[in-house]
Amino acid sequence: MIKKKIQGFLALTRIWFITLHFINTITAAIMLSFTSFLSNLGIILLASLLAALLDGIGVVFNAITDLEIDRINIPNRPLPSGIISISTAKITIVFYSVIAVILCFFFNLASFIVLAIGFFVTISYSLEPIRWKKRHIFSPLMIGVGYGLEVILVAVIFDMFNVQNLLLSLIVIVFVCGIGSLKEFPDIEGDRKGGVNSVPIVLGIKNAKILSGLVIFLGVIGFSIFTAYENLFFVYLPFAIFAIGSSFTLLIKFKADENIRKYVKLTKIALLNLLLLPIFYIIFGVLR
């Protein structure tokens, strides 16, 4: 029973995504400046922890607000299945928030502003009246903004906020926006009943596929230009192949009139593209 509760809690907090945000922030620091990363290791670790906490707050909050939708889309999730109670989820949000507030005191004003924007994006993603996740393209776009802000946060900490790093942040936003849109396809049934106007619902499956493919392709092109400018395109080439291959496989194979559940696993494989960001950062940062 205890093991089941622990597994349920880890699933509720989406530990994979929380860890990814932690790693993404650290490796973004390595990419921007390995020397600055070493000299600011303590504050970067705190920033990475804070980024993970903000994402944790967001995913748990989203799990609460999406409870009825998840009863349709994914009934075996911790909250709809009853493995984890609503009160436990709320306590988790409060606990994460208290730690996040304490950590904020270690940052300067500029960093705090970036973190405040990140917190707003995280909460407003699921909270009415904004609730970005039901507003068409804004749902995957806000997911991308969360990752892009981590690059800006590191740049501000290093006092390296410039056009080049802002461009990198925008490329990350576009890429993650495209990848994030993939998860909306298997959720069509529950989203429609829950009043969520996702891109596939608003535009239709065919048009949504085209839009998602274009955004992913733009992100890949953006990274290609960025790495070509640094004469390191060969570093990004395998990442580009995987991103295009896995994502477009899902888009081509997905058919709404088939069993949606069979696409959930394929979607998770496509979402592994998010893991490419920190791997890419490390290789790029070392060779740059």
Protein backbone atom coordinates (compact mmCIF):
# COMPACT_ATOMS: atom_id res chain seq x y z
CA MET A 1 0.00 0.00 0.00
CA ILE A 2 2.81 2.40 0.92
CA LYS A 3 4.65 1.56 -2.30
CA LYS A 4 1.49 2.27 -4.28
CA LYS A 5 1.08 5.63 -2.53
CA ILE A 6 4.68 6.59 -3.29
CA GLN A 7 4.27 5.62 -6.93
CA GLY A 8 1.02 7.59 -7.03
CA PHE A 9 2.69 10.67 -5.56
CA LEU A 10 5.55 10.49 -8.06
CA ALA A 11 3.01 10.18 -10.87
CA LEU A 12 0.98 13.10 -9.49
CA THR A 13 3.98 15.42 -9.39
CA ARG A 14 5.18 14.19 -12.80
CA ILE A 15 8.64 13.56 -11.37
CA TRP A 16 10.05 13.04 -14.88
CA PHE A 17 9.08 16.57 -15.95
CA ILE A 18 10.17 18.11 -12.64
CA THR A 19 13.59 16.48 -12.99
CA LEU A 20 13.75 17.62 -16.61
CA HIS A 21 13.23 21.27 -15.58
CA PHE A 22 15.96 20.88 -12.94
CA ILE A 23 18.37 19.42 -15.50
CA ASN A 24 17.32 21.90 -18.18
CA THR A 25 18.27 24.88 -15.99
CA ILE A 26 21.65 23.42 -15.01
CA THR A 27 22.59 22.49 -18.55
CA ALA A 28 21.41 25.84 -19.91
CA ALA A 29 23.95 27.39 -17.54
CA ILE A 30 26.66 25.07 -18.86
CA MET A 31 25.77 26.04 -22.41
CA LEU A 32 25.83 29.80 -21.82
CA SER A 33 29.11 29.80 -19.91
CA PHE A 34 30.82 26.82 -18.30
CA THR A 35 33.19 29.15 -16.41
CA SER A 36 30.29 31.18 -15.01
CA PHE A 37 28.50 27.95 -14.18
CA LEU A 38 31.37 26.79 -11.98
CA SER A 39 31.75 30.16 -10.25
CA ASN A 40 27.99 30.41 -9.62
CA LEU A 41 27.34 26.74 -8.93
CA GLY A 42 25.45 27.33 -5.67
CA ILE A 43 22.95 29.84 -7.04
CA ILE A 44 22.48 27.79 -10.23
CA LEU A 45 21.57 24.72 -8.17
CA LEU A 46 19.06 26.83 -6.23
CA ALA A 47 17.66 28.22 -9.48
CA SER A 48 17.33 24.69 -10.86
CA LEU A 49 15.56 23.53 -7.71
CA LEU A 50 13.22 26.51 -7.90
CA ALA A 51 12.45 25.81 -11.57
CA ALA A 52 11.60 22.22 -10.62
CA LEU A 53 9.39 23.37 -7.74
CA LEU A 54 7.51 25.81 -9.96
CA ASP A 55 6.83 23.04 -12.44
CA GLY A 56 5.79 20.75 -9.58
CA ILE A 57 3.29 23.34 -8.34
CA GLY A 58 1.95 23.69 -11.86
CA VAL A 59 1.48 19.99 -12.60
CA VAL A 60 -0.23 19.25 -9.27
CA PHE A 61 -2.47 22.30 -9.65
CA ASN A 62 -3.30 21.17 -13.18
CA ALA A 63 -4.10 17.66 -11.93
CA ILE A 64 -6.65 19.13 -9.51
CA THR A 65 -8.32 21.41 -12.07
CA ASP A 66 -8.34 18.63 -14.70
CA LEU A 67 -9.78 15.96 -12.42
CA GLU A 68 -13.03 15.50 -14.36
CA ILE A 69 -11.24 15.55 -17.71
CA ASP A 70 -8.73 12.95 -16.48
CA ARG A 71 -11.59 10.69 -15.40
CA ILE A 72 -12.30 10.40 -19.14
CA ASN A 73 -8.82 10.62 -20.70
CA ILE A 74 -6.63 8.85 -18.14
CA PRO A 75 -8.76 7.41 -15.28
CA ASN A 76 -5.81 5.51 -13.80
CA ARG A 77 -4.01 8.71 -12.82
CA PRO A 78 -3.47 9.23 -9.04
CA LEU A 79 -6.36 11.66 -8.39
CA PRO A 80 -9.18 10.16 -10.49
CA SER A 81 -8.22 6.64 -9.37
CA GLY A 82 -8.24 7.70 -5.70
CA ILE A 83 -4.66 6.60 -5.00
CA ILE A 84 -3.85 10.16 -3.91
CA SER A 85 -6.49 12.38 -2.28
CA ILE A 86 -7.31 15.96 -3.26
CA SER A 87 -6.24 17.16 0.20
CA THR A 88 -2.81 15.54 -0.24
CA ALA A 89 -2.45 17.27 -3.60
CA LYS A 90 -3.34 20.65 -2.05
CA ILE A 91 -0.87 20.12 0.81
CA THR A 92 1.81 19.32 -1.78
CA ILE A 93 1.15 22.64 -3.54
CA VAL A 94 1.40 24.55 -0.25
CA PHE A 95 4.61 22.73 0.71
CA TYR A 96 6.26 23.38 -2.65
CA SER A 97 5.13 27.02 -2.55
CA VAL A 98 6.62 27.64 0.90
CA ILE A 99 10.00 26.24 -0.19
CA ALA A 100 9.84 28.28 -3.41
CA VAL A 101 9.16 31.52 -1.51
CA ILE A 102 12.09 30.85 0.83
CA LEU A 103 14.44 30.18 -2.10
CA CYS A 104 13.40 33.44 -3.79
CA PHE A 105 15.21 35.43 -1.08
CA PHE A 106 18.55 34.17 -2.44
CA PHE A 107 18.08 35.90 -5.82
CA ASN A 108 18.53 39.48 -6.99
CA LEU A 109 15.65 41.62 -8.24
CA ALA A 110 16.12 40.80 -11.94
CA SER A 111 16.16 37.06 -11.25
CA PHE A 112 13.14 37.41 -8.96
CA ILE A 113 11.17 39.14 -11.75
CA VAL A 114 11.92 36.26 -14.15
CA LEU A 115 10.85 33.77 -11.46
CA ALA A 116 7.66 35.75 -10.78
CA ILE A 117 6.79 35.63 -14.48
CA GLY A 118 7.44 31.89 -14.43
CA PHE A 119 5.13 31.45 -11.44
CA PHE A 120 2.39 33.45 -13.18
CA VAL A 121 2.70 31.33 -16.33
CA THR A 122 2.62 28.13 -14.26
CA ILE A 123 -0.51 28.99 -12.28
CA SER A 124 -2.41 30.77 -15.04
CA TYR A 125 -1.95 27.70 -17.27
CA SER A 126 -4.67 25.94 -15.25
CA LEU A 127 -6.40 28.73 -13.30
CA GLU A 128 -9.55 30.51 -14.41
CA PRO A 129 -10.28 33.01 -15.81
CA ILE A 130 -7.07 32.82 -17.90
CA ARG A 131 -6.54 29.03 -18.02
CA TRP A 132 -4.13 29.04 -20.95
CA LYS A 133 -4.53 25.31 -21.53
CA LYS A 134 -8.03 25.75 -22.97
CA ARG A 135 -7.06 28.64 -25.24
CA HIS A 136 -5.93 27.01 -28.48
CA ILE A 137 -2.24 27.49 -29.27
CA PHE A 138 -1.60 29.16 -25.91
CA SER A 139 -1.64 25.77 -24.18
CA PRO A 140 1.57 24.37 -25.75
CA LEU A 141 2.97 27.91 -26.09
CA MET A 142 2.92 28.46 -22.33
CA ILE A 143 4.68 25.13 -21.81
CA GLY A 144 7.39 26.42 -24.14
CA VAL A 145 7.56 29.74 -22.29
CA GLY A 146 8.31 27.84 -19.08
CA TYR A 147 11.39 26.25 -20.66
CA GLY A 148 12.44 29.48 -22.37
CA LEU A 149 12.32 31.42 -19.11
CA GLU A 150 14.86 29.02 -17.61
CA VAL A 151 17.37 30.10 -20.25
CA ILE A 152 16.61 33.77 -19.50
CA LEU A 153 16.93 33.14 -15.74
CA VAL A 154 20.43 31.72 -16.18
CA ALA A 155 21.40 34.58 -18.51
CA VAL A 156 20.24 37.12 -15.90
CA ILE A 157 22.15 35.35 -13.11
CA PHE A 158 25.30 35.38 -15.25
CA ASP A 159 24.67 39.00 -16.28
CA MET A 160 24.71 37.74 -19.88
CA PHE A 161 21.25 38.83 -20.99
CA ASN A 162 21.79 39.75 -24.63
CA VAL A 163 20.20 39.35 -28.05
CA GLN A 164 21.87 35.99 -28.71
CA ASN A 165 20.63 34.42 -25.49
CA LEU A 166 17.18 35.95 -25.96
CA LEU A 167 17.13 34.36 -29.42
CA LEU A 168 18.08 31.01 -27.92
CA SER A 169 15.22 31.36 -25.44
CA LEU A 170 12.76 32.09 -28.26
CA ILE A 171 13.99 29.06 -30.23
CA VAL A 172 13.47 26.88 -27.15
CA ILE A 173 9.93 28.28 -26.75
CA VAL A 174 9.03 27.51 -30.37
CA PHE A 175 10.54 24.01 -30.26
CA VAL A 176 8.86 23.03 -26.98
CA CYS A 177 5.58 24.58 -28.15
CA GLY A 178 5.62 22.26 -31.15
CA ILE A 179 6.55 19.20 -29.12
CA GLY A 180 4.04 20.11 -26.39
CA SER A 181 1.22 20.23 -28.93
CA LEU A 182 1.68 16.51 -29.58
CA LYS A 183 0.24 15.56 -26.20
CA GLU A 184 -3.09 17.18 -27.10
CA PHE A 185 -3.96 14.63 -29.78
CA PRO A 186 -4.66 11.60 -27.53
CA ASP A 187 -6.64 13.87 -25.13
CA ILE A 188 -9.24 15.04 -27.63
CA GLU A 189 -12.21 13.15 -26.16
CA GLY A 190 -11.77 14.35 -22.58
CA ASP A 191 -10.76 17.86 -23.62
CA ARG A 192 -13.90 18.25 -25.72
CA LYS A 193 -16.15 17.14 -22.86
CA GLY A 194 -14.21 19.32 -20.41
CA GLY A 195 -14.56 22.46 -22.51
CA VAL A 196 -10.86 22.67 -23.39
CA ASN A 197 -10.45 24.26 -26.81
CA SER A 198 -7.22 22.54 -27.78
CA VAL A 199 -5.71 23.05 -31.21
CA PRO A 200 -6.90 19.66 -32.61
CA ILE A 201 -10.45 20.43 -31.46
CA VAL A 202 -10.54 23.99 -32.83
CA LEU A 203 -8.70 23.45 -36.12
CA GLY A 204 -9.54 19.82 -36.73
CA ILE A 205 -7.11 16.90 -36.76
CA LYS A 206 -5.71 17.52 -40.23
CA ASN A 207 -5.03 21.25 -39.78
CA ALA A 208 -3.67 20.68 -36.26
CA LYS A 209 -1.21 18.13 -37.64
CA ILE A 210 0.01 20.65 -40.21
CA LEU A 211 0.38 23.42 -37.62
CA SER A 212 2.20 21.18 -35.11
CA GLY A 213 4.53 19.92 -37.82
CA LEU A 214 5.34 23.47 -38.97
CA VAL A 215 6.07 24.70 -35.44
CA ILE A 216 8.33 21.73 -34.69
CA PHE A 217 10.09 22.26 -38.01
CA LEU A 218 10.59 25.98 -37.21
CA GLY A 219 12.13 25.03 -33.87
CA VAL A 220 14.51 22.60 -35.56
CA ILE A 221 15.45 25.24 -38.16
CA GLY A 222 16.03 27.77 -35.38
CA PHE A 223 18.42 25.46 -33.55
CA SER A 224 20.11 24.65 -36.86
CA ILE A 225 20.78 28.33 -37.59
CA PHE A 226 21.96 28.91 -34.03
CA THR A 227 24.42 26.01 -34.12
CA ALA A 228 25.55 26.82 -37.67
CA TYR A 229 26.43 30.32 -36.47
CA GLU A 230 28.69 28.70 -33.88
CA ASN A 231 30.06 26.23 -36.48
CA LEU A 232 28.60 23.34 -34.49
CA PHE A 233 25.71 22.22 -36.64
CA PHE A 234 27.07 18.66 -36.68
CA VAL A 235 26.33 18.54 -32.93
CA TYR A 236 22.66 19.25 -33.52
CA LEU A 237 22.16 17.04 -36.59
CA PRO A 238 21.30 13.79 -34.71
CA PHE A 239 18.92 15.72 -32.45
CA ALA A 240 17.19 17.21 -35.49
CA ILE A 241 16.78 13.78 -37.07
CA PHE A 242 15.23 12.32 -33.90
CA ALA A 243 12.97 15.35 -33.36
CA ILE A 244 11.62 15.31 -36.91
CA GLY A 245 11.41 11.52 -37.11
CA SER A 246 9.61 10.78 -33.84
CA SER A 247 7.29 13.78 -33.97
CA PHE A 248 6.22 13.37 -37.57
CA THR A 249 5.69 9.63 -37.07
CA LEU A 250 3.04 10.45 -34.47
CA LEU A 251 1.45 13.15 -36.61
CA ILE A 252 1.27 10.91 -39.68
CA LYS A 253 -0.01 7.82 -37.87
CA PHE A 254 -2.56 9.52 -35.62
CA LYS A 255 -6.19 8.97 -36.66
CA ALA A 256 -9.04 10.18 -34.46
CA ASP A 257 -11.37 7.35 -35.48
CA GLU A 258 -9.01 4.71 -34.08
CA ASN A 259 -8.35 3.69 -30.49
CA ILE A 260 -6.75 6.80 -28.98
CA ARG A 261 -5.04 4.81 -26.22
CA LYS A 262 -2.62 3.20 -28.70
CA TYR A 263 -1.16 6.64 -29.39
CA VAL A 264 -0.39 7.50 -25.75
CA LYS A 265 2.86 5.49 -25.78
CA LEU A 266 3.87 6.96 -29.14
CA THR A 267 3.18 10.43 -27.75
CA LYS A 268 5.49 9.76 -24.80
CA ILE A 269 8.25 8.73 -27.22
CA ALA A 270 7.76 11.97 -29.16
CA LEU A 271 7.84 13.96 -25.90
CA LEU A 272 11.32 12.55 -25.25
CA ASN A 273 12.40 15.37 -27.54
CA LEU A 274 12.20 17.58 -24.44
CA LEU A 275 15.07 15.53 -23.02
CA LEU A 276 17.11 16.53 -26.06
CA LEU A 277 17.37 20.09 -24.76
CA PRO A 278 19.63 19.39 -21.75
CA ILE A 279 21.67 16.82 -23.69
CA PHE A 280 22.11 19.30 -26.50
CA TYR A 281 23.06 22.06 -24.03
CA ILE A 282 25.81 19.95 -22.46
CA ILE A 283 27.40 18.89 -25.75
CA PHE A 284 27.08 22.38 -27.20
CA GLY A 285 28.46 24.01 -24.04
CA VAL A 286 31.50 21.74 -23.91
CA LEU A 287 32.41 22.10 -27.59
CA ARG A 288 31.48 25.76 -27.99
